[in-house]
Amino acid sequence: MPESKRIELIRGCLETALNPNRLEIVDESHMHVGHSGHGGAGHFQVHIVSEKFNDLATLARHRLVYSALENMMQTEIHALSIKAETPNEDE
């Protein structure tokens, strides 16, 4: 699957599940070409700001992101770096 399509799918999943105030997705797959275990899946960095993260610890926030991307984590995403913030933290 083309990386641009993966970004669209990631965006759709996160917008549906977490209704973000801000969402940035960076494709870092080009930096990992030939990486063992890559299997054609992509490497991505996500910065997401959502009110759903209010009163949650970092691990709980990351679990919400992984839950939203659960199906993609099995086939389309090899590695994911997450920065998950509340609207107050994003200021």
C-alpha atoms as a PDB file:
ATOM      1  CA  MET A   1       0.000   0.000   0.000  1.00  0.00           C
ATOM      2  CA  PRO A   2       1.373   3.464  -0.831  1.00  0.00           C
ATOM      3  CA  GLU A   3       2.531   5.464   2.202  1.00  0.00           C
ATOM      4  CA  SER A   4       0.151   8.328   1.324  1.00  0.00           C
ATOM      5  CA  LYS A   5      -2.771   5.897   1.582  1.00  0.00           C
ATOM      6  CA  ARG A   6      -1.510   4.670   4.956  1.00  0.00           C
ATOM      7  CA  ILE A   7      -1.419   8.249   6.234  1.00  0.00           C
ATOM      8  CA  GLU A   8      -5.024   8.765   5.105  1.00  0.00           C
ATOM      9  CA  LEU A   9      -6.092   5.589   6.907  1.00  0.00           C
ATOM     10  CA  ILE A  10      -4.205   6.531  10.084  1.00  0.00           C
ATOM     11  CA  ARG A  11      -5.783   9.985  10.001  1.00  0.00           C
ATOM     12  CA  GLY A  12      -9.267   8.537   9.532  1.00  0.00           C
ATOM     13  CA  CYS A  13      -8.915   6.061  12.391  1.00  0.00           C
ATOM     14  CA  LEU A  14      -7.539   8.643  14.816  1.00  0.00           C
ATOM     15  CA  GLU A  15     -10.082  11.318  13.870  1.00  0.00           C
ATOM     16  CA  THR A  16     -12.969   8.891  14.334  1.00  0.00           C
ATOM     17  CA  ALA A  17     -11.771   7.505  17.666  1.00  0.00           C
ATOM     18  CA  LEU A  18     -10.190  10.556  19.308  1.00  0.00           C
ATOM     19  CA  ASN A  19     -11.669  13.653  17.656  1.00  0.00           C
ATOM     20  CA  PRO A  20      -8.334  15.490  17.794  1.00  0.00           C
ATOM     21  CA  ASN A  21      -7.919  19.242  18.004  1.00  0.00           C
ATOM     22  CA  ARG A  22      -4.624  18.764  16.191  1.00  0.00           C
ATOM     23  CA  LEU A  23      -3.169  15.819  14.307  1.00  0.00           C
ATOM     24  CA  GLU A  24       0.177  15.614  12.550  1.00  0.00           C
ATOM     25  CA  ILE A  25       1.400  12.430  10.906  1.00  0.00           C
ATOM     26  CA  VAL A  26       4.926  12.119   9.562  1.00  0.00           C
ATOM     27  CA  ASP A  27       5.983   9.203   7.391  1.00  0.00           C
ATOM     28  CA  GLU A  28       9.498   8.121   8.374  1.00  0.00           C
ATOM     29  CA  SER A  29       9.482   4.933   6.298  1.00  0.00           C
ATOM     30  CA  HIS A  30      12.161   6.220   3.926  1.00  0.00           C
ATOM     31  CA  MET A  31      14.617   6.259   6.850  1.00  0.00           C
ATOM     32  CA  HIS A  32      14.116   2.533   7.424  1.00  0.00           C
ATOM     33  CA  VAL A  33      14.383   1.040   3.945  1.00  0.00           C
ATOM     34  CA  GLY A  34      15.980  -2.388   4.215  1.00  0.00           C
ATOM     35  CA  HIS A  35      15.293  -2.547   7.954  1.00  0.00           C
ATOM     36  CA  SER A  36      15.007  -6.137   9.113  1.00  0.00           C
ATOM     37  CA  GLY A  37      11.409  -7.095   9.845  1.00  0.00           C
ATOM     38  CA  HIS A  38      10.008  -4.089   7.988  1.00  0.00           C
ATOM     39  CA  GLY A  39       7.884  -6.341   5.775  1.00  0.00           C
ATOM     40  CA  GLY A  40       6.591  -3.440   3.689  1.00  0.00           C
ATOM     41  CA  ALA A  41       4.791  -1.802   6.605  1.00  0.00           C
ATOM     42  CA  GLY A  42       5.525   1.819   7.440  1.00  0.00           C
ATOM     43  CA  HIS A  43       7.226   3.815  10.171  1.00  0.00           C
ATOM     44  CA  PHE A  44       5.245   6.829  11.374  1.00  0.00           C
ATOM     45  CA  GLN A  45       5.411   9.640  13.899  1.00  0.00           C
ATOM     46  CA  VAL A  46       2.114  10.964  15.277  1.00  0.00           C
ATOM     47  CA  HIS A  47       1.507  14.155  17.242  1.00  0.00           C
ATOM     48  CA  ILE A  48      -2.073  14.196  18.447  1.00  0.00           C
ATOM     49  CA  VAL A  49      -3.892  16.640  20.708  1.00  0.00           C
ATOM     50  CA  SER A  50      -7.248  15.532  22.070  1.00  0.00           C
ATOM     51  CA  GLU A  51      -9.541  16.266  24.986  1.00  0.00           C
ATOM     52  CA  LYS A  52      -9.917  12.484  25.339  1.00  0.00           C
ATOM     53  CA  PHE A  53      -6.431  12.515  26.897  1.00  0.00           C
ATOM     54  CA  ASN A  54      -7.525  14.747  29.796  1.00  0.00           C
ATOM     55  CA  ASP A  55      -6.715  13.136  33.164  1.00  0.00           C
ATOM     56  CA  LEU A  56      -4.900  10.208  31.511  1.00  0.00           C
ATOM     57  CA  ALA A  57      -1.306   9.153  32.047  1.00  0.00           C
ATOM     58  CA  THR A  58       1.007   8.803  29.049  1.00  0.00           C
ATOM     59  CA  LEU A  59       0.598   5.026  28.880  1.00  0.00           C
ATOM     60  CA  ALA A  60      -3.208   5.281  28.838  1.00  0.00           C
ATOM     61  CA  ARG A  61      -3.034   7.886  26.071  1.00  0.00           C
ATOM     62  CA  HIS A  62      -0.809   5.644  23.981  1.00  0.00           C
ATOM     63  CA  ARG A  63      -3.173   2.729  24.546  1.00  0.00           C
ATOM     64  CA  LEU A  64      -6.023   4.813  23.127  1.00  0.00           C
ATOM     65  CA  VAL A  65      -3.962   5.590  20.031  1.00  0.00           C
ATOM     66  CA  TYR A  66      -2.951   1.957  19.575  1.00  0.00           C
ATOM     67  CA  SER A  67      -6.554   0.873  20.090  1.00  0.00           C
ATOM     68  CA  ALA A  68      -7.716   3.275  17.371  1.00  0.00           C
ATOM     69  CA  LEU A  69      -5.091   1.847  14.999  1.00  0.00           C
ATOM     70  CA  GLU A  70      -5.419  -1.773  16.105  1.00  0.00           C
ATOM     71  CA  ASN A  71      -6.125  -3.293  12.688  1.00  0.00           C
ATOM     72  CA  MET A  72      -3.414  -1.246  10.980  1.00  0.00           C
ATOM     73  CA  MET A  73      -0.826  -2.210  13.599  1.00  0.00           C
ATOM     74  CA  GLN A  74      -1.090  -5.811  12.403  1.00  0.00           C
ATOM     75  CA  THR A  75      -0.379  -5.115   8.728  1.00  0.00           C
ATOM     76  CA  GLU A  76       0.320  -1.502   7.730  1.00  0.00           C
ATOM     77  CA  ILE A  77       2.314   0.028  10.602  1.00  0.00           C
ATOM     78  CA  HIS A  78       5.651  -1.448  11.603  1.00  0.00           C
ATOM     79  CA  ALA A  79       6.671   1.313  14.023  1.00  0.00           C
ATOM     80  CA  LEU A  80       4.817   4.220  15.587  1.00  0.00           C
ATOM     81  CA  SER A  81       6.192   7.112  17.623  1.00  0.00           C
ATOM     82  CA  ILE A  82       3.456   8.898  19.580  1.00  0.00           C
ATOM     83  CA  LYS A  83       3.262  12.337  21.163  1.00  0.00           C
ATOM     84  CA  ALA A  84      -0.192  12.537  22.780  1.00  0.00           C
ATOM     85  CA  GLU A  85      -1.197  15.766  24.517  1.00  0.00           C
ATOM     86  CA  THR A  86      -4.232  17.461  25.959  1.00  0.00           C
ATOM     87  CA  PRO A  87      -5.281  20.857  24.532  1.00  0.00           C
ATOM     88  CA  ASN A  88      -3.813  22.568  27.641  1.00  0.00           C
ATOM     89  CA  GLU A  89      -0.445  20.870  27.117  1.00  0.00           C
ATOM     90  CA  ASP A  90      -0.314  21.909  23.466  1.00  0.00           C
ATOM     91  CA  GLU A  91      -0.285  25.627  24.232  1.00  0.00           C
END
